[in-house]
Protein backbone atom coordinates (compact mmCIF):
# COMPACT_ATOMS: atom_id res chain seq x y z
CA MET A 1 3.54 55.74 -55.71
CA ALA A 2 6.27 55.85 -53.06
CA HIS A 3 3.61 55.63 -50.36
CA LEU A 4 2.05 52.61 -52.09
CA GLY A 5 5.43 50.88 -52.26
CA TYR A 6 5.97 51.55 -48.56
CA GLN A 7 2.62 50.02 -47.68
CA GLN A 8 3.39 46.95 -49.80
CA ARG A 9 6.71 46.50 -48.01
CA ARG A 10 4.98 46.77 -44.64
CA ARG A 11 2.46 44.10 -45.64
CA ARG A 12 5.22 41.84 -46.95
CA ILE A 13 7.18 42.19 -43.72
CA ALA A 14 4.02 41.52 -41.70
CA TRP A 15 3.38 38.28 -43.61
CA ILE A 16 7.00 37.19 -43.10
CA LEU A 17 6.73 37.80 -39.35
CA VAL A 18 3.46 35.89 -38.91
CA ALA A 19 4.39 33.06 -41.31
CA PRO A 20 6.02 30.83 -38.62
CA ALA A 21 2.95 31.17 -36.37
CA LEU A 22 0.65 30.37 -39.29
CA VAL A 23 2.66 27.24 -40.11
CA LEU A 24 2.51 26.05 -36.50
CA LEU A 25 -1.21 26.80 -36.38
CA ALA A 26 -1.77 24.82 -39.58
CA LEU A 27 0.09 21.84 -38.13
CA ALA A 28 -1.57 22.00 -34.70
CA ALA A 29 -5.13 22.78 -35.78
CA GLY A 30 -5.38 22.35 -39.53
CA TRP A 31 -4.51 18.64 -39.74
CA PRO A 32 -6.93 17.52 -36.99
CA LEU A 33 -9.62 19.63 -38.62
CA VAL A 34 -9.03 17.97 -41.99
CA ARG A 35 -9.16 14.52 -40.34
CA THR A 36 -12.41 15.43 -38.61
CA PHE A 37 -13.96 16.51 -41.91
CA PHE A 38 -12.79 13.25 -43.48
CA PHE A 39 -14.16 10.98 -40.75
CA SER A 40 -17.52 12.77 -40.88
CA PHE A 41 -18.07 11.09 -44.27
CA THR A 42 -17.23 7.60 -42.97
CA ASN A 43 -18.71 5.00 -40.61
CA ALA A 44 -15.46 4.68 -38.61
CA MET A 45 -15.68 3.49 -35.00
CA LEU A 46 -13.41 4.65 -32.20
CA ASP A 47 -12.17 1.16 -31.30
CA ASN A 48 -10.86 0.57 -34.84
CA PRO A 49 -10.68 3.85 -36.83
CA SER A 50 -8.49 2.34 -39.55
CA GLU A 51 -11.41 0.25 -40.86
CA TYR A 52 -14.20 2.30 -42.37
CA GLU A 53 -16.41 2.79 -45.39
CA MET A 54 -17.36 6.04 -47.08
CA VAL A 55 -21.01 6.87 -46.36
CA GLY A 56 -21.21 10.36 -47.86
CA LEU A 57 -23.56 12.71 -46.01
CA ALA A 58 -25.33 9.93 -44.11
CA ASN A 59 -23.86 11.05 -40.78
CA TYR A 60 -25.41 14.48 -41.33
CA TYR A 61 -28.69 13.42 -42.90
CA ALA A 62 -29.97 10.27 -44.54
CA SER A 63 -33.45 9.14 -45.57
CA ASN A 64 -34.33 5.50 -46.11
CA GLY A 65 -37.91 4.44 -46.76
CA GLY A 66 -39.40 7.36 -44.86
CA ASP A 67 -37.03 6.94 -41.90
CA SER A 68 -34.47 9.70 -41.42
CA SER A 69 -31.19 9.46 -39.56
CA GLY A 70 -28.13 11.59 -38.92
CA VAL A 71 -27.16 14.46 -36.68
CA LEU A 72 -29.50 16.98 -38.30
CA VAL A 73 -32.61 14.92 -37.48
CA ASP A 74 -31.57 13.99 -33.95
CA SER A 75 -33.75 15.81 -31.41
CA LEU A 76 -30.94 15.65 -28.84
CA TRP A 77 -28.67 17.57 -31.23
CA TRP A 78 -31.18 20.37 -31.60
CA GLN A 79 -31.70 20.43 -27.85
CA ALA A 80 -27.93 20.78 -27.47
CA VAL A 81 -27.96 23.62 -30.02
CA GLY A 82 -30.71 25.38 -28.06
CA ASN A 83 -28.83 24.90 -24.78
CA THR A 84 -25.62 26.25 -26.30
CA LEU A 85 -27.27 29.32 -27.83
CA TRP A 86 -29.17 30.10 -24.62
CA PHE A 87 -26.02 29.68 -22.56
CA THR A 88 -24.02 31.88 -24.96
CA VAL A 89 -26.54 34.72 -24.97
CA MET A 90 -27.04 34.72 -21.20
CA SER A 91 -23.44 34.23 -20.10
CA VAL A 92 -21.81 36.59 -22.61
CA GLY A 93 -24.50 39.23 -22.05
CA LEU A 94 -24.03 39.15 -18.27
CA GLU A 95 -20.25 39.10 -18.64
CA LEU A 96 -20.39 42.19 -20.84
CA LEU A 97 -22.60 44.01 -18.33
CA PHE A 98 -20.57 43.11 -15.23
CA GLY A 99 -17.28 43.44 -17.10
CA MET A 100 -18.19 46.98 -18.14
CA LEU A 101 -19.14 47.94 -14.58
CA LEU A 102 -15.91 46.46 -13.19
CA ALA A 103 -13.81 48.14 -15.89
CA LEU A 104 -15.37 51.53 -15.16
CA LEU A 105 -14.75 50.99 -11.45
CA MET A 106 -11.12 49.93 -11.88
CA ASN A 107 -10.51 52.87 -14.22
CA GLN A 108 -11.17 55.27 -11.34
CA LYS A 109 -8.40 56.33 -8.98
CA PHE A 110 -8.99 55.24 -5.39
CA ARG A 111 -7.08 53.75 -2.49
CA GLY A 112 -6.48 50.03 -2.93
CA GLN A 113 -6.89 50.15 -6.70
CA GLY A 114 -4.02 47.70 -7.25
CA LEU A 115 -5.48 45.25 -4.75
CA VAL A 116 -8.88 45.35 -6.46
CA ARG A 117 -7.34 44.71 -9.88
CA THR A 118 -5.39 41.76 -8.49
CA ALA A 119 -8.46 40.30 -6.76
CA ILE A 120 -10.46 40.56 -9.99
CA LEU A 121 -7.98 38.20 -11.65
CA VAL A 122 -8.47 35.38 -9.12
CA PRO A 123 -11.59 33.77 -10.68
CA TRP A 124 -10.05 33.89 -14.15
CA ALA A 125 -6.81 32.28 -12.88
CA ILE A 126 -8.58 29.29 -11.33
CA PRO A 127 -8.68 26.27 -13.70
CA THR A 128 -12.13 25.51 -15.08
CA ILE A 129 -12.23 22.02 -13.55
CA VAL A 130 -11.43 23.38 -10.10
CA SER A 131 -13.97 26.16 -10.56
CA ALA A 132 -16.67 23.68 -11.60
CA LYS A 133 -15.99 21.44 -8.60
CA MET A 134 -16.06 24.43 -6.27
CA TRP A 135 -19.40 25.65 -7.62
CA GLY A 136 -20.74 22.09 -7.46
CA TRP A 137 -20.14 22.10 -3.70
CA MET A 138 -21.59 25.59 -3.38
CA PHE A 139 -24.76 24.51 -5.24
CA HIS A 140 -25.29 21.42 -3.04
CA ASP A 141 -28.97 21.20 -2.15
CA GLN A 142 -28.38 20.37 1.55
CA TYR A 143 -25.04 21.86 2.52
CA GLY A 144 -24.30 24.38 -0.24
CA VAL A 145 -23.54 27.99 0.57
CA VAL A 146 -25.87 29.26 -2.18
CA ASN A 147 -28.99 27.79 -0.57
CA ASP A 148 -27.73 28.95 2.83
CA LEU A 149 -27.44 32.52 1.56
CA LEU A 150 -30.90 32.36 0.02
CA ALA A 151 -32.26 31.14 3.37
CA LYS A 152 -30.62 34.04 5.22
CA ILE A 153 -31.81 36.61 2.68
CA PHE A 154 -35.40 35.41 2.26
CA GLY A 155 -35.87 33.89 5.70
CA TYR A 156 -36.79 30.32 4.75
CA GLN A 157 -34.94 27.11 4.02
CA ALA A 158 -34.71 26.66 0.25
CA HIS A 159 -33.26 23.25 -0.59
CA LEU A 160 -33.01 23.92 -4.30
CA ALA A 161 -31.43 21.14 -6.34
CA TRP A 162 -29.39 23.44 -8.58
CA ILE A 163 -27.50 20.64 -10.29
CA ALA A 164 -30.24 18.01 -10.55
CA GLU A 165 -33.25 20.18 -11.40
CA PRO A 166 -33.42 20.74 -15.21
CA SER A 167 -34.96 24.21 -14.81
CA LEU A 168 -32.10 25.32 -12.53
CA SER A 169 -29.07 23.40 -13.82
CA MET A 170 -28.45 25.67 -16.81
CA TRP A 171 -28.66 28.73 -14.58
CA ALA A 172 -26.07 27.10 -12.31
CA VAL A 173 -23.76 26.70 -15.31
CA VAL A 174 -24.31 30.33 -16.36
CA ILE A 175 -23.58 31.65 -12.86
CA ALA A 176 -20.36 29.64 -12.62
CA ASP A 177 -19.23 30.74 -16.07
CA VAL A 178 -20.03 34.41 -15.47
CA TRP A 179 -18.11 34.34 -12.19
CA LYS A 180 -15.04 32.85 -13.88
CA THR A 181 -14.85 34.76 -17.17
CA THR A 182 -16.15 38.24 -16.28
CA PRO A 183 -12.57 39.27 -15.34
CA PHE A 184 -11.46 38.62 -18.93
CA MET A 185 -14.11 40.98 -20.25
CA ALA A 186 -13.30 43.54 -17.58
CA LEU A 187 -9.57 43.53 -18.37
CA MET A 188 -10.16 43.88 -22.11
CA LEU A 189 -12.46 46.85 -21.55
CA LEU A 190 -10.16 48.38 -18.93
CA ALA A 191 -7.25 48.33 -21.38
CA ALA A 192 -9.41 50.23 -23.88
CA LEU A 193 -10.62 52.71 -21.27
CA GLN A 194 -7.08 53.62 -20.28
CA LEU A 195 -6.28 54.63 -23.88
CA ILE A 196 -8.97 57.34 -23.90
CA PRO A 197 -7.42 60.81 -23.36
CA ASN A 198 -8.72 62.61 -20.27
CA ASP A 199 -8.87 65.83 -22.30
CA LEU A 200 -11.98 64.53 -24.05
CA TYR A 201 -13.80 64.10 -20.76
CA GLU A 202 -12.64 67.51 -19.51
CA ALA A 203 -13.93 69.18 -22.67
CA ALA A 204 -17.24 67.34 -22.35
CA ARG A 205 -17.62 68.46 -18.72
CA VAL A 206 -16.95 72.06 -19.72
CA ASP A 207 -19.69 71.76 -22.35
CA GLY A 208 -22.09 70.52 -19.67
CA ALA A 209 -22.34 66.87 -20.74
CA SER A 210 -23.74 64.52 -18.11
CA ALA A 211 -22.04 61.27 -17.05
CA TRP A 212 -24.37 59.25 -19.26
CA GLN A 213 -23.74 61.54 -22.25
CA ARG A 214 -19.96 61.26 -21.74
CA PHE A 215 -20.26 57.48 -21.62
CA LYS A 216 -22.52 57.33 -24.69
CA ARG A 217 -20.67 59.85 -26.85
CA ILE A 218 -17.04 59.29 -25.80
CA THR A 219 -16.46 56.07 -23.88
CA LEU A 220 -18.64 53.64 -25.77
CA PRO A 221 -17.55 54.58 -29.32
CA LEU A 222 -13.85 54.58 -28.41
CA ILE A 223 -13.89 51.20 -26.64
CA MET A 224 -16.10 49.58 -29.28
CA PRO A 225 -13.20 47.89 -31.19
CA ALA A 226 -11.91 46.28 -27.99
CA MET A 227 -15.46 45.31 -27.02
CA VAL A 228 -16.00 43.59 -30.38
CA VAL A 229 -12.75 41.64 -29.99
CA ALA A 230 -13.71 40.58 -26.46
CA LEU A 231 -17.18 39.54 -27.62
CA ILE A 232 -15.72 37.49 -30.48
CA PHE A 233 -13.45 35.58 -28.12
CA ARG A 234 -16.14 35.06 -25.50
CA VAL A 235 -18.84 34.00 -27.96
CA MET A 236 -16.47 31.51 -29.58
CA ASP A 237 -15.52 30.11 -26.17
CA ALA A 238 -19.16 29.93 -25.06
CA MET A 239 -20.21 28.14 -28.23
CA ARG A 240 -17.51 25.51 -27.57
CA ILE A 241 -18.33 25.11 -23.86
CA PHE A 242 -17.80 21.57 -22.61
CA ASP A 243 -15.60 21.15 -19.53
CA LEU A 244 -17.62 23.34 -17.15
CA ILE A 245 -20.92 21.67 -18.09
CA PHE A 246 -19.44 18.15 -18.06
CA VAL A 247 -17.91 18.51 -14.59
CA LEU A 248 -20.72 20.53 -13.01
CA THR A 249 -23.77 18.65 -14.34
CA SER A 250 -22.26 15.40 -15.73
CA ASN A 251 -23.35 16.42 -19.25
CA SER A 252 -27.03 15.76 -18.60
CA GLU A 253 -29.45 16.29 -21.47
CA ALA A 254 -30.85 19.41 -19.77
CA THR A 255 -27.47 21.14 -20.05
CA MET A 256 -25.78 19.25 -22.89
CA SER A 257 -23.90 21.55 -25.29
CA VAL A 258 -23.04 20.84 -28.91
CA SER A 259 -19.49 19.93 -27.87
CA GLY A 260 -20.94 17.61 -25.23
CA TYR A 261 -23.11 16.00 -27.90
CA ALA A 262 -20.06 15.37 -30.10
CA ARG A 263 -18.17 13.89 -27.17
CA GLU A 264 -21.15 11.66 -26.32
CA GLN A 265 -21.21 10.23 -29.83
CA ILE A 266 -17.46 9.65 -30.06
CA VAL A 267 -16.63 8.46 -26.54
CA SER A 268 -19.84 6.95 -25.17
CA TYR A 269 -21.16 5.42 -28.40
CA GLN A 270 -17.72 4.96 -30.07
CA ASP A 271 -19.17 6.41 -33.31
CA MET A 272 -16.42 8.52 -34.88
CA GLY A 273 -18.46 9.20 -38.00
CA VAL A 274 -21.45 10.80 -36.27
CA GLY A 275 -19.25 12.44 -33.65
CA SER A 276 -17.03 13.94 -36.34
CA ALA A 277 -20.09 15.21 -38.20
CA ALA A 278 -21.28 16.91 -35.02
CA SER A 279 -17.81 18.40 -34.51
CA VAL A 280 -17.83 19.78 -38.05
CA LEU A 281 -21.20 21.41 -37.40
CA VAL A 282 -19.82 22.94 -34.21
CA PHE A 283 -16.87 24.33 -36.16
CA MET A 284 -19.18 25.78 -38.81
CA MET A 285 -21.37 27.43 -36.16
CA VAL A 286 -18.42 29.02 -34.37
CA ALA A 287 -16.73 30.13 -37.59
CA GLY A 288 -20.00 31.59 -38.91
CA ILE A 289 -20.62 33.62 -35.76
CA ALA A 290 -17.03 34.90 -35.76
CA ALA A 291 -17.34 35.89 -39.43
CA CYS A 292 -20.56 37.79 -38.67
CA PHE A 293 -18.88 39.72 -35.85
CA ILE A 294 -15.92 40.62 -38.06
CA ARG A 295 -18.21 41.64 -40.90
CA VAL A 296 -20.29 43.90 -38.66
CA SER A 297 -17.18 45.53 -37.18
CA ARG A 298 -15.80 46.24 -40.65
CA LEU A 299 -19.08 47.78 -41.76
CA ASN A 300 -19.02 50.04 -38.70
CA GLU A 301 -15.47 51.13 -39.53
CA LYS A 302 -16.47 51.96 -43.12
CA GLU A 303 -19.42 54.03 -41.89
CA LYS A 304 -17.12 56.03 -39.60
CA ARG A 305 -14.80 56.78 -42.50
């Protein structure tokens, strides 16, 4: 009973400590979210949002005499969903792979280790807009360094239109995003690697375990919680991607994300109702994916117990 009372006091103190942050979060994010939900049920326009009529679910889906309208029947919306999911899978997958390799490298002791760790942070520290502009110049079809490197490697002039060609533009976005955000994944995994006691590796070596067996049986299980947290953050960021795509490819239909679709409706077409409906759907997608990650991680913890 005394132990139970101690745990209750700890939880009470924890809630008291996080209460101010929760209040600020509710004011900064909760109110705009509520307003977005509200406007998604109206026909409000951006030039005069105070005048509107309630239209129910018409911004999401409406059928009138065989003709359907709304975000859920817009082919451009589903193309944006496909672009976003493809970008998320490719970019986060590559970031996890390269981040793991960099974390394992930086976890080793070698001369210049501090310099390498500092250099790894440079792409992450560069603002996204600057990074997008830089990669836009590098992907230039005539004077870009990417095509120049391909020409030197393969021995022929390849004037690839990375930004203008629909089949290449999404790969250009993925490459730029992987370059910028891999350091985040690497640092998260490095922090977890440094918490693993060296005694475990020494015992495994004595038992004759190979490097792959040590990684599979010791490293991977122990860094899994940090990996799940990093994946949650990166997947949520990737699902909300907008600025990199907008600056690098001018939000073309070939690379349009769900956030870009919402911006197009609100800013370009001045339609707050449809744009808010799209924003709500983006929120539901991101929240659903985050909930799935958290659920899976909790199930794994229960199985270990």
